Amino acid sequence: MGDLNMEGNPAIPDFIVNNSPDWKAKGEDLQLKKACEELLKEIEKKDK
């Protein structure tokens, strides 16, 4: 998988989501929401 040292380099998300300019003011994080949705899908698959 290569060098996992992330110092000075941001994590790259598996799913890219564009937050609106006022996302912080609204208290919304669409990237986090998408990540949670994908994790719930994975859990549902394993439960079947």
N, C-alpha and C. Protein backbone atom coordinates (compact mmCIF):
# COMPACT_ATOMS: atom_id res chain seq x y z
N MET A 1 0.82 -1.19 0.00
CA MET A 1 0.00 0.00 0.00
C MET A 1 0.86 1.25 0.00
N GLY A 2 2.12 1.11 0.13
CA GLY A 2 2.99 2.26 0.07
C GLY A 2 3.24 2.88 1.43
N ASP A 3 3.77 4.07 1.39
CA ASP A 3 4.11 4.80 2.60
C ASP A 3 2.84 5.34 3.25
N LEU A 4 2.57 4.95 4.50
CA LEU A 4 1.36 5.39 5.18
C LEU A 4 1.59 6.61 6.06
N ASN A 5 2.77 7.20 6.00
CA ASN A 5 3.05 8.39 6.79
C ASN A 5 2.28 9.55 6.19
N MET A 6 1.29 10.05 6.96
CA MET A 6 0.43 11.10 6.44
C MET A 6 0.81 12.48 6.98
N GLU A 7 1.94 12.57 7.66
CA GLU A 7 2.35 13.86 8.21
C GLU A 7 2.57 14.85 7.08
N GLY A 8 1.88 15.97 7.15
CA GLY A 8 2.02 17.00 6.13
C GLY A 8 1.18 16.74 4.88
N ASN A 9 0.48 15.60 4.84
CA ASN A 9 -0.36 15.26 3.70
C ASN A 9 -1.75 14.89 4.20
N PRO A 10 -2.79 15.49 3.64
CA PRO A 10 -4.15 15.17 4.10
C PRO A 10 -4.60 13.80 3.63
N ALA A 11 -5.56 13.24 4.34
CA ALA A 11 -6.17 11.99 3.91
C ALA A 11 -7.01 12.26 2.67
N ILE A 12 -7.04 11.32 1.76
CA ILE A 12 -7.85 11.45 0.55
C ILE A 12 -9.09 10.57 0.74
N PRO A 13 -10.28 11.16 0.75
CA PRO A 13 -11.49 10.37 0.97
C PRO A 13 -11.79 9.44 -0.19
N ASP A 14 -12.48 8.33 0.11
CA ASP A 14 -12.88 7.39 -0.94
C ASP A 14 -13.98 7.98 -1.82
N PHE A 15 -14.82 8.83 -1.23
CA PHE A 15 -15.92 9.46 -1.95
C PHE A 15 -15.75 10.97 -1.82
N ILE A 16 -15.63 11.63 -2.95
CA ILE A 16 -15.45 13.08 -2.95
C ILE A 16 -16.83 13.75 -2.95
N VAL A 17 -17.06 14.62 -1.98
CA VAL A 17 -18.32 15.35 -1.86
C VAL A 17 -17.98 16.83 -1.78
N ASN A 18 -18.67 17.62 -2.56
CA ASN A 18 -18.46 19.08 -2.54
C ASN A 18 -19.42 19.72 -1.56
N ASN A 19 -18.88 20.22 -0.45
CA ASN A 19 -19.70 20.94 0.52
C ASN A 19 -19.98 22.34 -0.01
N SER A 20 -21.16 22.86 0.31
CA SER A 20 -21.50 24.22 -0.09
C SER A 20 -20.64 25.21 0.71
N PRO A 21 -20.50 26.44 0.23
CA PRO A 21 -19.66 27.41 0.93
C PRO A 21 -20.08 27.70 2.37
N ASP A 22 -21.36 27.53 2.67
CA ASP A 22 -21.83 27.83 4.02
C ASP A 22 -22.05 26.58 4.87
N TRP A 23 -21.38 25.50 4.54
CA TRP A 23 -21.62 24.24 5.24
C TRP A 23 -21.29 24.31 6.73
N LYS A 24 -20.25 25.04 7.10
CA LYS A 24 -19.92 25.17 8.52
C LYS A 24 -20.99 25.95 9.27
N ALA A 25 -21.48 27.03 8.66
CA ALA A 25 -22.51 27.85 9.31
C ALA A 25 -23.79 27.05 9.52
N LYS A 26 -24.09 26.15 8.58
CA LYS A 26 -25.29 25.32 8.69
C LYS A 26 -25.08 24.12 9.63
N GLY A 27 -23.82 23.83 9.95
CA GLY A 27 -23.54 22.68 10.78
C GLY A 27 -23.66 21.36 10.03
N GLU A 28 -23.50 21.41 8.72
CA GLU A 28 -23.61 20.22 7.88
C GLU A 28 -22.24 19.83 7.35
N ASP A 29 -21.98 18.55 7.37
CA ASP A 29 -20.76 18.03 6.77
C ASP A 29 -21.17 16.89 5.85
N LEU A 30 -21.34 17.21 4.57
CA LEU A 30 -21.82 16.21 3.62
C LEU A 30 -20.80 15.08 3.41
N GLN A 31 -19.52 15.39 3.61
CA GLN A 31 -18.50 14.34 3.49
C GLN A 31 -18.68 13.30 4.59
N LEU A 32 -18.91 13.77 5.81
CA LEU A 32 -19.15 12.87 6.94
C LEU A 32 -20.45 12.10 6.75
N LYS A 33 -21.47 12.78 6.27
CA LYS A 33 -22.76 12.12 6.02
C LYS A 33 -22.61 11.00 5.00
N LYS A 34 -21.89 11.26 3.92
CA LYS A 34 -21.67 10.25 2.88
C LYS A 34 -20.89 9.06 3.45
N ALA A 35 -19.89 9.35 4.25
CA ALA A 35 -19.09 8.27 4.85
C ALA A 35 -19.97 7.39 5.74
N CYS A 36 -20.84 8.00 6.52
CA CYS A 36 -21.75 7.24 7.39
C CYS A 36 -22.71 6.40 6.57
N GLU A 37 -23.24 6.96 5.49
CA GLU A 37 -24.15 6.21 4.62
C GLU A 37 -23.45 4.99 4.03
N GLU A 38 -22.22 5.16 3.59
CA GLU A 38 -21.48 4.04 3.00
C GLU A 38 -21.17 2.97 4.05
N LEU A 39 -20.83 3.38 5.26
CA LEU A 39 -20.57 2.42 6.33
C LEU A 39 -21.83 1.64 6.69
N LEU A 40 -22.98 2.31 6.73
CA LEU A 40 -24.23 1.62 7.01
C LEU A 40 -24.56 0.61 5.91
N LYS A 41 -24.26 0.94 4.66
CA LYS A 41 -24.46 -0.02 3.56
C LYS A 41 -23.60 -1.26 3.76
N GLU A 42 -22.35 -1.05 4.18
CA GLU A 42 -21.44 -2.17 4.42
C GLU A 42 -21.96 -3.06 5.55
N ILE A 43 -22.48 -2.44 6.60
CA ILE A 43 -23.02 -3.21 7.72
C ILE A 43 -24.23 -4.02 7.28
N GLU A 44 -25.11 -3.42 6.49
CA GLU A 44 -26.29 -4.13 5.99
C GLU A 44 -25.90 -5.32 5.14
N LYS A 45 -24.86 -5.18 4.31
CA LYS A 45 -24.39 -6.29 3.46
C LYS A 45 -23.90 -7.44 4.32
N LYS A 46 -23.19 -7.14 5.39
CA LYS A 46 -22.63 -8.19 6.25
C LYS A 46 -23.70 -8.88 7.08
N ASP A 47 -24.81 -8.19 7.36
CA ASP A 47 -25.88 -8.78 8.15
C ASP A 47 -26.71 -9.76 7.35
N LYS A 48 -26.62 -9.71 6.04
CA LYS A 48 -27.44 -10.60 5.19
C LYS A 48 -26.81 -11.94 5.01
